[in-house]
PDB file of N, CA and C in Angstrom:
ATOM      1  N   MET A   1       0.635  -1.049   0.164  1.00  0.00           N
ATOM      2  CA  MET A   1      -0.309  -0.087  -0.224  1.00  0.00           C
ATOM      3  C   MET A   1       0.873   1.463   0.048  1.00  0.00           C
ATOM      4  N   LYS A   2       1.939   1.201   0.972  1.00  0.00           N
ATOM      5  CA  LYS A   2       2.982   2.471   0.595  1.00  0.00           C
ATOM      6  C   LYS A   2       3.622   2.442  -0.633  1.00  0.00           C
ATOM      7  N   THR A   3       3.938   1.667  -1.488  1.00  0.00           N
ATOM      8  CA  THR A   3       4.483   1.689  -2.770  1.00  0.00           C
ATOM      9  C   THR A   3       3.543   2.378  -3.610  1.00  0.00           C
ATOM     10  N   VAL A   4       2.108   1.978  -3.445  1.00  0.00           N
ATOM     11  CA  VAL A   4       1.225   2.651  -4.430  1.00  0.00           C
ATOM     12  C   VAL A   4       1.143   3.692  -4.214  1.00  0.00           C
ATOM     13  N   SER A   5       0.967   4.561  -2.874  1.00  0.00           N
ATOM     14  CA  SER A   5       0.921   5.901  -2.313  1.00  0.00           C
ATOM     15  C   SER A   5       2.060   6.483  -2.878  1.00  0.00           C
ATOM     16  N   LYS A   6       3.092   6.138  -2.716  1.00  0.00           N
ATOM     17  CA  LYS A   6       4.131   6.557  -3.335  1.00  0.00           C
ATOM     18  C   LYS A   6       4.847   6.795  -4.875  1.00  0.00           C
ATOM     19  N   VAL A   7       3.678   5.834  -5.592  1.00  0.00           N
ATOM     20  CA  VAL A   7       4.240   5.857  -6.807  1.00  0.00           C
ATOM     21  C   VAL A   7       2.927   6.886  -7.158  1.00  0.00           C
ATOM     22  N   LEU A   8       1.439   6.721  -6.861  1.00  0.00           N
ATOM     23  CA  LEU A   8       0.993   7.723  -7.094  1.00  0.00           C
ATOM     24  C   LEU A   8       0.913   9.368  -6.505  1.00  0.00           C
ATOM     25  N   SER A   9       1.794   9.650  -5.673  1.00  0.00           N
ATOM     26  CA  SER A   9       2.453  10.864  -5.083  1.00  0.00           C
ATOM     27  C   SER A   9       3.156  11.339  -6.337  1.00  0.00           C
ATOM     28  N   VAL A  10       4.128  10.645  -6.633  1.00  0.00           N
ATOM     29  CA  VAL A  10       5.489  11.074  -7.525  1.00  0.00           C
ATOM     30  C   VAL A  10       4.955  11.026  -9.170  1.00  0.00           C
ATOM     31  N   THR A  11       3.859  10.362  -9.198  1.00  0.00           N
ATOM     32  CA  THR A  11       2.958  10.891 -10.410  1.00  0.00           C
ATOM     33  C   THR A  11       2.552  11.744 -10.512  1.00  0.00           C
ATOM     34  N   THR A  12       1.449  12.000  -9.842  1.00  0.00           N
ATOM     35  CA  THR A  12       0.895  13.120  -9.502  1.00  0.00           C
ATOM     36  C   THR A  12       1.793  14.888  -9.307  1.00  0.00           C
ATOM     37  N   LEU A  13       2.785  14.615  -8.675  1.00  0.00           N
ATOM     38  CA  LEU A  13       3.916  15.630  -8.685  1.00  0.00           C
ATOM     39  C   LEU A  13       4.250  15.690  -9.945  1.00  0.00           C
ATOM     40  N   SER A  14       5.071  14.677 -10.464  1.00  0.00           N
ATOM     41  CA  SER A  14       5.654  14.658 -12.306  1.00  0.00           C
ATOM     42  C   SER A  14       4.423  15.589 -12.961  1.00  0.00           C
ATOM     43  N   VAL A  15       3.446  15.156 -13.491  1.00  0.00           N
ATOM     44  CA  VAL A  15       2.334  15.843 -13.734  1.00  0.00           C
ATOM     45  C   VAL A  15       1.825  17.268 -13.632  1.00  0.00           C
ATOM     46  N   VAL A  16       1.860  17.573 -12.369  1.00  0.00           N
ATOM     47  CA  VAL A  16       1.899  18.730 -11.707  1.00  0.00           C
ATOM     48  C   VAL A  16       3.147  19.973 -12.354  1.00  0.00           C
ATOM     49  N   LEU A  17       4.343  19.396 -12.142  1.00  0.00           N
ATOM     50  CA  LEU A  17       5.359  19.820 -12.922  1.00  0.00           C
ATOM     51  C   LEU A  17       5.253  20.347 -14.389  1.00  0.00           C
ATOM     52  N   ALA A  18       4.928  19.446 -14.696  1.00  0.00           N
ATOM     53  CA  ALA A  18       4.896  19.380 -16.529  1.00  0.00           C
ATOM     54  C   ALA A  18       3.770  20.404 -16.920  1.00  0.00           C
ATOM     55  N   LEU A  19       2.692  20.530 -15.890  1.00  0.00           N
ATOM     56  CA  LEU A  19       1.734  21.337 -16.602  1.00  0.00           C
ATOM     57  C   LEU A  19       2.135  22.763 -16.046  1.00  0.00           C
ATOM     58  N   SER A  20       2.957  22.613 -15.152  1.00  0.00           N
ATOM     59  CA  SER A  20       3.438  24.584 -14.775  1.00  0.00           C
ATOM     60  C   SER A  20       4.374  25.087 -15.667  1.00  0.00           C
ATOM     61  N   ALA A  21       5.299  24.029 -16.464  1.00  0.00           N
ATOM     62  CA  ALA A  21       6.108  24.213 -16.909  1.00  0.00           C
ATOM     63  C   ALA A  21       5.271  24.340 -18.779  1.00  0.00           C
ATOM     64  N   GLY A  22       4.452  24.019 -18.334  1.00  0.00           N
ATOM     65  CA  GLY A  22       3.926  24.421 -20.158  1.00  0.00           C
ATOM     66  C   GLY A  22       2.922  25.782 -19.630  1.00  0.00           C
ATOM     67  N   CYS A  23       3.114  26.745 -18.643  1.00  0.00           N
ATOM     68  CA  CYS A  23       2.456  27.656 -18.509  1.00  0.00           C
ATOM     69  C   CYS A  23       3.362  28.635 -18.648  1.00  0.00           C
ATOM     70  N   ALA A  24       4.689  28.529 -18.376  1.00  0.00           N
ATOM     71  CA  ALA A  24       5.781  29.030 -18.053  1.00  0.00           C
ATOM     72  C   ALA A  24       5.903  29.621 -19.680  1.00  0.00           C
ATOM     73  N   SER A  25       6.628  31.375 -19.284  1.00  0.00           N
ATOM     74  CA  SER A  25       6.992  31.539 -20.723  1.00  0.00           C
ATOM     75  C   SER A  25       8.524  31.325 -21.036  1.00  0.00           C
ATOM     76  N   THR A  26       8.895  31.344 -22.084  1.00  0.00           N
ATOM     77  CA  THR A  26      10.736  30.494 -22.514  1.00  0.00           C
ATOM     78  C   THR A  26      11.358  32.174 -22.767  1.00  0.00           C
ATOM     79  N   ALA A  27      12.426  32.161 -23.221  1.00  0.00           N
ATOM     80  CA  ALA A  27      13.478  33.563 -23.505  1.00  0.00           C
ATOM     81  C   ALA A  27      12.983  34.112 -24.641  1.00  0.00           C
ATOM     82  N   THR A  28      12.518  33.408 -25.468  1.00  0.00           N
ATOM     83  CA  THR A  28      11.731  33.831 -26.989  1.00  0.00           C
ATOM     84  C   THR A  28      10.038  34.513 -26.853  1.00  0.00           C
ATOM     85  N   GLN A  29       9.544  33.684 -25.992  1.00  0.00           N
ATOM     86  CA  GLN A  29       7.901  34.201 -25.885  1.00  0.00           C
ATOM     87  C   GLN A  29       7.557  34.729 -24.474  1.00  0.00           C
ATOM     88  N   GLU A  30       6.742  35.241 -24.488  1.00  0.00           N
ATOM     89  CA  GLU A  30       5.877  35.959 -23.402  1.00  0.00           C
ATOM     90  C   GLU A  30       4.621  35.138 -22.925  1.00  0.00           C
ATOM     91  N   SER A  31       4.324  35.082 -21.451  1.00  0.00           N
ATOM     92  CA  SER A  31       3.147  34.680 -20.967  1.00  0.00           C
ATOM     93  C   SER A  31       1.970  35.111 -21.477  1.00  0.00           C
ATOM     94  N   THR A  32       1.157  35.342 -21.546  1.00  0.00           N
ATOM     95  CA  THR A  32      -0.271  35.960 -21.874  1.00  0.00           C
ATOM     96  C   THR A  32      -0.390  37.572 -21.226  1.00  0.00           C
ATOM     97  N   GLY A  33       0.050  37.508 -20.059  1.00  0.00           N
ATOM     98  CA  GLY A  33      -0.156  38.512 -18.682  1.00  0.00           C
ATOM     99  C   GLY A  33       1.385  39.573 -19.307  1.00  0.00           C
ATOM    100  N   GLN A  34       2.429  38.345 -19.573  1.00  0.00           N
ATOM    101  CA  GLN A  34       3.567  39.687 -19.805  1.00  0.00           C
ATOM    102  C   GLN A  34       3.573  40.355 -21.186  1.00  0.00           C
ATOM    103  N   PHE A  35       2.476  39.425 -22.081  1.00  0.00           N
ATOM    104  CA  PHE A  35       2.536  40.690 -23.594  1.00  0.00           C
ATOM    105  C   PHE A  35       1.484  41.663 -23.300  1.00  0.00           C
ATOM    106  N   ILE A  36       0.475  41.135 -22.141  1.00  0.00           N
ATOM    107  CA  ILE A  36      -0.702  42.397 -22.083  1.00  0.00           C
ATOM    108  C   ILE A  36       0.428  43.656 -21.919  1.00  0.00           C
ATOM    109  N   ASP A  37       1.197  43.037 -20.749  1.00  0.00           N
ATOM    110  CA  ASP A  37       1.984  44.104 -20.010  1.00  0.00           C
ATOM    111  C   ASP A  37       2.923  44.810 -21.196  1.00  0.00           C
ATOM    112  N   SER A  38       3.505  44.249 -21.976  1.00  0.00           N
ATOM    113  CA  SER A  38       4.308  44.737 -22.926  1.00  0.00           C
ATOM    114  C   SER A  38       3.627  45.908 -24.089  1.00  0.00           C
ATOM    115  N   SER A  39       1.940  45.288 -23.840  1.00  0.00           N
ATOM    116  CA  SER A  39       1.156  46.111 -24.927  1.00  0.00           C
ATOM    117  C   SER A  39       1.024  47.420 -24.387  1.00  0.00           C
ATOM    118  N   ILE A  40       0.888  47.515 -22.937  1.00  0.00           N
ATOM    119  CA  ILE A  40       0.821  48.606 -22.403  1.00  0.00           C
ATOM    120  C   ILE A  40       2.010  49.285 -22.006  1.00  0.00           C
ATOM    121  N   VAL A  41       2.894  49.204 -21.877  1.00  0.00           N
ATOM    122  CA  VAL A  41       4.471  49.889 -22.121  1.00  0.00           C
ATOM    123  C   VAL A  41       4.485  50.617 -23.376  1.00  0.00           C
ATOM    124  N   THR A  42       4.188  49.497 -24.678  1.00  0.00           N
ATOM    125  CA  THR A  42       4.629  49.936 -25.899  1.00  0.00           C
ATOM    126  C   THR A  42       3.469  51.483 -26.082  1.00  0.00           C
ATOM    127  N   ALA A  43       2.365  50.903 -25.793  1.00  0.00           N
ATOM    128  CA  ALA A  43       1.245  52.114 -25.964  1.00  0.00           C
ATOM    129  C   ALA A  43       1.715  53.413 -25.147  1.00  0.00           C
ATOM    130  N   GLY A  44       2.486  53.275 -23.764  1.00  0.00           N
ATOM    131  CA  GLY A  44       2.689  54.571 -23.287  1.00  0.00           C
ATOM    132  C   GLY A  44       3.930  55.005 -24.003  1.00  0.00           C
ATOM    133  N   VAL A  45       4.853  54.348 -24.235  1.00  0.00           N
ATOM    134  CA  VAL A  45       5.953  54.852 -25.159  1.00  0.00           C
ATOM    135  C   VAL A  45       5.553  55.673 -26.173  1.00  0.00           C
ATOM    136  N   LYS A  46       4.557  55.195 -27.177  1.00  0.00           N
ATOM    137  CA  LYS A  46       3.681  55.869 -28.172  1.00  0.00           C
ATOM    138  C   LYS A  46       3.741  57.146 -27.694  1.00  0.00           C
ATOM    139  N   THR A  47       2.652  56.986 -26.709  1.00  0.00           N
ATOM    140  CA  THR A  47       2.056  58.122 -26.357  1.00  0.00           C
ATOM    141  C   THR A  47       3.275  59.390 -26.060  1.00  0.00           C
ATOM    142  N   ALA A  48       3.925  58.859 -24.875  1.00  0.00           N
ATOM    143  CA  ALA A  48       4.953  59.674 -24.521  1.00  0.00           C
ATOM    144  C   ALA A  48       5.747  60.749 -25.530  1.00  0.00           C
ATOM    145  N   LEU A  49       6.054  59.621 -26.634  1.00  0.00           N
ATOM    146  CA  LEU A  49       6.976  60.063 -27.872  1.00  0.00           C
ATOM    147  C   LEU A  49       5.967  61.470 -28.475  1.00  0.00           C
ATOM    148  N   ALA A  50       4.748  60.981 -28.630  1.00  0.00           N
ATOM    149  CA  ALA A  50       3.674  61.636 -29.423  1.00  0.00           C
ATOM    150  C   ALA A  50       3.597  63.099 -28.828  1.00  0.00           C
ATOM    151  N   GLN A  51       3.768  62.825 -27.459  1.00  0.00           N
ATOM    152  CA  GLN A  51       3.520  64.810 -26.942  1.00  0.00           C
ATOM    153  C   GLN A  51       4.408  64.998 -26.569  1.00  0.00           C
ATOM    154  N   ASP A  52       6.217  64.427 -26.902  1.00  0.00           N
ATOM    155  CA  ASP A  52       7.227  65.321 -26.771  1.00  0.00           C
ATOM    156  C   ASP A  52       7.240  66.031 -27.850  1.00  0.00           C
ATOM    157  N   ASP A  53       8.177  67.358 -27.564  1.00  0.00           N
ATOM    158  CA  ASP A  53       7.638  68.929 -29.093  1.00  0.00           C
ATOM    159  C   ASP A  53       9.023  68.415 -29.489  1.00  0.00           C
ATOM    160  N   LEU A  54       9.934  67.528 -29.201  1.00  0.00           N
ATOM    161  CA  LEU A  54      10.945  67.357 -30.306  1.00  0.00           C
ATOM    162  C   LEU A  54      10.795  65.763 -30.874  1.00  0.00           C
ATOM    163  N   THR A  55       9.881  64.699 -30.284  1.00  0.00           N
ATOM    164  CA  THR A  55       9.485  63.854 -30.510  1.00  0.00           C
ATOM    165  C   THR A  55       8.150  63.090 -31.451  1.00  0.00           C
ATOM    166  N   THR A  56       7.748  64.295 -31.127  1.00  0.00           N
ATOM    167  CA  THR A  56       6.280  63.952 -31.586  1.00  0.00           C
ATOM    168  C   THR A  56       5.966  63.648 -33.283  1.00  0.00           C
ATOM    169  N   LEU A  57       7.109  64.412 -34.233  1.00  0.00           N
ATOM    170  CA  LEU A  57       6.384  63.588 -35.708  1.00  0.00           C
ATOM    171  C   LEU A  57       7.435  62.669 -36.392  1.00  0.00           C
ATOM    172  N   LEU A  58       8.349  61.981 -35.172  1.00  0.00           N
ATOM    173  CA  LEU A  58       9.226  60.823 -35.600  1.00  0.00           C
ATOM    174  C   LEU A  58       8.512  59.778 -36.251  1.00  0.00           C
ATOM    175  N   ASP A  59       9.457  58.938 -37.031  1.00  0.00           N
ATOM    176  CA  ASP A  59       8.412  57.912 -37.330  1.00  0.00           C
ATOM    177  C   ASP A  59       9.343  56.813 -36.663  1.00  0.00           C
ATOM    178  N   VAL A  60       9.111  56.332 -35.251  1.00  0.00           N
ATOM    179  CA  VAL A  60       9.562  55.607 -34.421  1.00  0.00           C
ATOM    180  C   VAL A  60       8.866  54.509 -34.319  1.00  0.00           C
ATOM    181  N   GLU A  61       9.247  52.928 -34.536  1.00  0.00           N
ATOM    182  CA  GLU A  61       9.002  51.928 -34.212  1.00  0.00           C
ATOM    183  C   GLU A  61       9.168  51.488 -32.937  1.00  0.00           C
ATOM    184  N   VAL A  62       8.196  51.023 -31.809  1.00  0.00           N
ATOM    185  CA  VAL A  62       8.150  50.908 -30.230  1.00  0.00           C
ATOM    186  C   VAL A  62       8.263  49.568 -30.386  1.00  0.00           C
ATOM    187  N   GLU A  63       8.864  48.248 -30.018  1.00  0.00           N
ATOM    188  CA  GLU A  63       8.449  47.022 -29.228  1.00  0.00           C
ATOM    189  C   GLU A  63       9.114  46.955 -27.700  1.00  0.00           C
ATOM    190  N   THR A  64       8.201  46.238 -26.902  1.00  0.00           N
ATOM    191  CA  THR A  64       8.364  45.700 -25.846  1.00  0.00           C
ATOM    192  C   THR A  64       8.522  44.463 -25.675  1.00  0.00           C
ATOM    193  N   PHE A  65       9.680  43.931 -25.034  1.00  0.00           N
ATOM    194  CA  PHE A  65       9.709  42.443 -24.472  1.00  0.00           C
ATOM    195  C   PHE A  65       9.818  42.418 -23.322  1.00  0.00           C
ATOM    196  N   ARG A  66       9.406  41.843 -22.360  1.00  0.00           N
ATOM    197  CA  ARG A  66       9.805  41.415 -20.300  1.00  0.00           C
ATOM    198  C   ARG A  66       9.872  43.238 -20.365  1.00  0.00           C
ATOM    199  N   ASP A  67       9.672  43.861 -20.462  1.00  0.00           N
ATOM    200  CA  ASP A  67       9.771  45.172 -20.284  1.00  0.00           C
ATOM    201  C   ASP A  67      11.201  46.209 -20.714  1.00  0.00           C
ATOM    202  N   VAL A  68      11.849  45.587 -21.780  1.00  0.00           N
ATOM    203  CA  VAL A  68      12.592  45.975 -22.771  1.00  0.00           C
ATOM    204  C   VAL A  68      12.647  46.785 -23.845  1.00  0.00           C
ATOM    205  N   VAL A  69      12.329  48.016 -23.712  1.00  0.00           N
ATOM    206  CA  VAL A  69      11.870  49.062 -25.325  1.00  0.00           C
ATOM    207  C   VAL A  69      12.824  49.024 -25.905  1.00  0.00           C
ATOM    208  N   GLN A  70      12.696  48.414 -27.409  1.00  0.00           N
ATOM    209  CA  GLN A  70      13.156  48.723 -28.451  1.00  0.00           C
ATOM    210  C   GLN A  70      12.899  49.925 -29.403  1.00  0.00           C
ATOM    211  N   LEU A  71      13.694  50.915 -29.231  1.00  0.00           N
ATOM    212  CA  LEU A  71      13.074  52.012 -30.703  1.00  0.00           C
ATOM    213  C   LEU A  71      14.140  51.365 -32.027  1.00  0.00           C
ATOM    214  N   SER A  72      13.498  51.580 -32.999  1.00  0.00           N
ATOM    215  CA  SER A  72      13.585  51.917 -34.150  1.00  0.00           C
ATOM    216  C   SER A  72      13.364  52.407 -34.810  1.00  0.00           C
ATOM    217  N   GLY A  73      14.099  52.965 -36.669  1.00  0.00           N
ATOM    218  CA  GLY A  73      13.673  53.756 -36.942  1.00  0.00           C
ATOM    219  C   GLY A  73      15.018  55.073 -37.486  1.00  0.00           C
ATOM    220  N   PHE A  74      14.461  56.078 -37.983  1.00  0.00           N
ATOM    221  CA  PHE A  74      15.571  56.812 -38.679  1.00  0.00           C
ATOM    222  C   PHE A  74      14.966  58.399 -38.071  1.00  0.00           C
ATOM    223  N   VAL A  75      15.721  58.914 -37.857  1.00  0.00           N
ATOM    224  CA  VAL A  75      15.655  60.425 -37.256  1.00  0.00           C
ATOM    225  C   VAL A  75      16.537  61.390 -37.891  1.00  0.00           C
ATOM    226  N   ASP A  76      16.463  62.709 -37.391  1.00  0.00           N
ATOM    227  CA  ASP A  76      16.877  63.980 -38.366  1.00  0.00           C
ATOM    228  C   ASP A  76      18.042  64.489 -37.673  1.00  0.00           C
ATOM    229  N   THR A  77      18.111  64.254 -36.420  1.00  0.00           N
ATOM    230  CA  THR A  77      19.603  64.486 -35.251  1.00  0.00           C
ATOM    231  C   THR A  77      19.953  63.746 -34.160  1.00  0.00           C
ATOM    232  N   GLU A  78      20.691  63.868 -34.036  1.00  0.00           N
ATOM    233  CA  GLU A  78      21.581  63.554 -32.779  1.00  0.00           C
ATOM    234  C   GLU A  78      20.606  63.624 -31.714  1.00  0.00           C
ATOM    235  N   GLU A  79      19.825  64.679 -31.266  1.00  0.00           N
ATOM    236  CA  GLU A  79      19.366  65.394 -30.483  1.00  0.00           C
ATOM    237  C   GLU A  79      17.874  64.615 -30.514  1.00  0.00           C
ATOM    238  N   GLN A  80      17.297  64.292 -31.693  1.00  0.00           N
ATOM    239  CA  GLN A  80      16.146  63.669 -31.314  1.00  0.00           C
ATOM    240  C   GLN A  80      16.378  62.252 -31.205  1.00  0.00           C
ATOM    241  N   LYS A  81      17.165  61.121 -31.784  1.00  0.00           N
ATOM    242  CA  LYS A  81      17.486  59.808 -31.252  1.00  0.00           C
ATOM    243  C   LYS A  81      17.534  60.005 -29.294  1.00  0.00           C
ATOM    244  N   MET A  82      18.702  61.139 -28.990  1.00  0.00           N
ATOM    245  CA  MET A  82      19.114  60.886 -27.429  1.00  0.00           C
ATOM    246  C   MET A  82      17.800  61.210 -26.438  1.00  0.00           C
ATOM    247  N   GLN A  83      16.775  62.520 -27.625  1.00  0.00           N
ATOM    248  CA  GLN A  83      15.558  62.557 -26.722  1.00  0.00           C
ATOM    249  C   GLN A  83      14.388  61.074 -26.280  1.00  0.00           C
ATOM    250  N   ALA A  84      14.279  60.549 -27.652  1.00  0.00           N
ATOM    251  CA  ALA A  84      13.552  59.709 -27.781  1.00  0.00           C
ATOM    252  C   ALA A  84      13.399  58.606 -27.097  1.00  0.00           C
ATOM    253  N   GLY A  85      14.623  58.460 -26.858  1.00  0.00           N
ATOM    254  CA  GLY A  85      15.435  57.313 -25.520  1.00  0.00           C
ATOM    255  C   GLY A  85      15.149  57.932 -24.263  1.00  0.00           C
ATOM    256  N   GLU A  86      15.337  58.809 -23.957  1.00  0.00           N
ATOM    257  CA  GLU A  86      14.985  59.471 -22.631  1.00  0.00           C
ATOM    258  C   GLU A  86      13.849  59.765 -22.118  1.00  0.00           C
ATOM    259  N   VAL A  87      12.836  60.075 -23.140  1.00  0.00           N
ATOM    260  CA  VAL A  87      11.100  59.838 -23.078  1.00  0.00           C
ATOM    261  C   VAL A  87      10.987  58.397 -22.927  1.00  0.00           C
ATOM    262  N   ALA A  88      11.181  57.078 -23.955  1.00  0.00           N
ATOM    263  CA  ALA A  88      10.853  56.193 -23.605  1.00  0.00           C
ATOM    264  C   ALA A  88      11.433  55.724 -21.957  1.00  0.00           C
ATOM    265  N   SER A  89      12.370  56.064 -21.527  1.00  0.00           N
ATOM    266  CA  SER A  89      12.903  55.626 -20.267  1.00  0.00           C
ATOM    267  C   SER A  89      12.214  56.219 -19.126  1.00  0.00           C
ATOM    268  N   THR A  90      11.987  57.154 -19.388  1.00  0.00           N
ATOM    269  CA  THR A  90      10.492  57.635 -18.313  1.00  0.00           C
ATOM    270  C   THR A  90       9.197  57.486 -18.135  1.00  0.00           C
ATOM    271  N   VAL A  91       8.801  56.244 -19.013  1.00  0.00           N
ATOM    272  CA  VAL A  91       7.204  55.632 -18.951  1.00  0.00           C
ATOM    273  C   VAL A  91       7.273  54.524 -17.920  1.00  0.00           C
ATOM    274  N   ASP A  92       6.212  54.529 -17.009  1.00  0.00           N
ATOM    275  CA  ASP A  92       6.248  53.479 -15.673  1.00  0.00           C
ATOM    276  C   ASP A  92       6.361  52.027 -16.695  1.00  0.00           C
ATOM    277  N   GLY A  93       6.954  51.256 -16.285  1.00  0.00           N
ATOM    278  CA  GLY A  93       6.948  49.650 -16.773  1.00  0.00           C
ATOM    279  C   GLY A  93       8.210  49.464 -17.535  1.00  0.00           C
ATOM    280  N   VAL A  94       8.889  50.550 -17.715  1.00  0.00           N
ATOM    281  CA  VAL A  94       9.711  50.267 -18.879  1.00  0.00           C
ATOM    282  C   VAL A  94      11.290  50.456 -17.709  1.00  0.00           C
ATOM    283  N   ARG A  95      12.132  49.010 -18.002  1.00  0.00           N
ATOM    284  CA  ARG A  95      13.122  48.554 -17.443  1.00  0.00           C
ATOM    285  C   ARG A  95      14.625  49.011 -18.003  1.00  0.00           C
ATOM    286  N   GLU A  96      14.761  48.817 -19.267  1.00  0.00           N
ATOM    287  CA  GLU A  96      15.468  49.439 -20.416  1.00  0.00           C
ATOM    288  C   GLU A  96      15.471  49.569 -21.823  1.00  0.00           C
ATOM    289  N   VAL A  97      16.106  50.590 -21.893  1.00  0.00           N
ATOM    290  CA  VAL A  97      15.798  51.223 -23.432  1.00  0.00           C
ATOM    291  C   VAL A  97      16.942  50.756 -24.409  1.00  0.00           C
ATOM    292  N   GLU A  98      16.771  49.873 -25.401  1.00  0.00           N
ATOM    293  CA  GLU A  98      17.831  49.824 -26.459  1.00  0.00           C
ATOM    294  C   GLU A  98      17.576  51.033 -27.458  1.00  0.00           C
ATOM    295  N   ASN A  99      18.087  51.688 -27.957  1.00  0.00           N
ATOM    296  CA  ASN A  99      18.026  53.085 -28.781  1.00  0.00           C
ATOM    297  C   ASN A  99      18.758  52.442 -30.191  1.00  0.00           C
ATOM    298  N   ASN A 100      17.839  51.763 -30.888  1.00  0.00           N
ATOM    299  CA  ASN A 100      18.711  51.471 -31.973  1.00  0.00           C
ATOM    300  C   ASN A 100      18.015  52.491 -33.482  1.00  0.00           C
ATOM    301  N   LEU A 101      17.758  53.718 -33.013  1.00  0.00           N
ATOM    302  CA  LEU A 101      17.479  54.735 -34.123  1.00  0.00           C
ATOM    303  C   LEU A 101      18.626  55.426 -34.671  1.00  0.00           C
ATOM    304  N   VAL A 102      18.711  55.550 -36.103  1.00  0.00           N
ATOM    305  CA  VAL A 102      19.624  55.631 -36.531  1.00  0.00           C
ATOM    306  C   VAL A 102      19.130  57.398 -37.645  1.00  0.00           C
ATOM    307  N   VAL A 103      20.267  57.998 -37.351  1.00  0.00           N
ATOM    308  CA  VAL A 103      20.695  59.350 -37.546  1.00  0.00           C
ATOM    309  C   VAL A 103      20.585  59.132 -39.204  1.00  0.00           C
ATOM    310  N   LYS A 104      19.607  60.131 -40.157  1.00  0.00           N
ATOM    311  CA  LYS A 104      19.811  59.988 -41.580  1.00  0.00           C
ATOM    312  C   LYS A 104      21.384  61.022 -41.778  1.00  0.00           C
ATOM    313  N   PRO A 105      21.549  60.639 -42.533  1.00  0.00           N
ATOM    314  CA  PRO A 105      22.855  61.557 -43.371  1.00  0.00           C
ATOM    315  C   PRO A 105      22.480  62.962 -43.885  1.00  0.00           C
ATOM    316  N   ALA A 106      23.348  63.629 -43.719  1.00  0.00           N
ATOM    317  CA  ALA A 106      23.109  64.897 -44.167  1.00  0.00           C
ATOM    318  C   ALA A 106      22.656  65.045 -45.458  1.00  0.00           C
ATOM    319  N   SER A 107      21.808  65.760 -45.905  1.00  0.00           N
ATOM    320  CA  SER A 107      22.100  65.803 -47.577  1.00  0.00           C
ATOM    321  C   SER A 107      22.406  67.009 -48.355  1.00  0.00           C
TER     322      SER A 107
END
């Protein structure tokens, strides 16, 4: 009887661990909750950029993954690039900003 109880306990524990691992996010995917949080952060960054005088007209792509915001696109000046990074970093929920904006060459 003790053996059956131990086997049942081990089996139950294995099933619980397997199911909980299936709910966890991986390094390249977000859970549903993380995805929603990232979407909220992205919207906040886009709003903040739109409200800032220096960055309001910029065509900047904003993506968020696990509280890390990535800015990409082209800007006219180094000042715009730096300002966009600063604005993004002030938004609630942003842990880090990867500023991949490229300054257009002078024509």
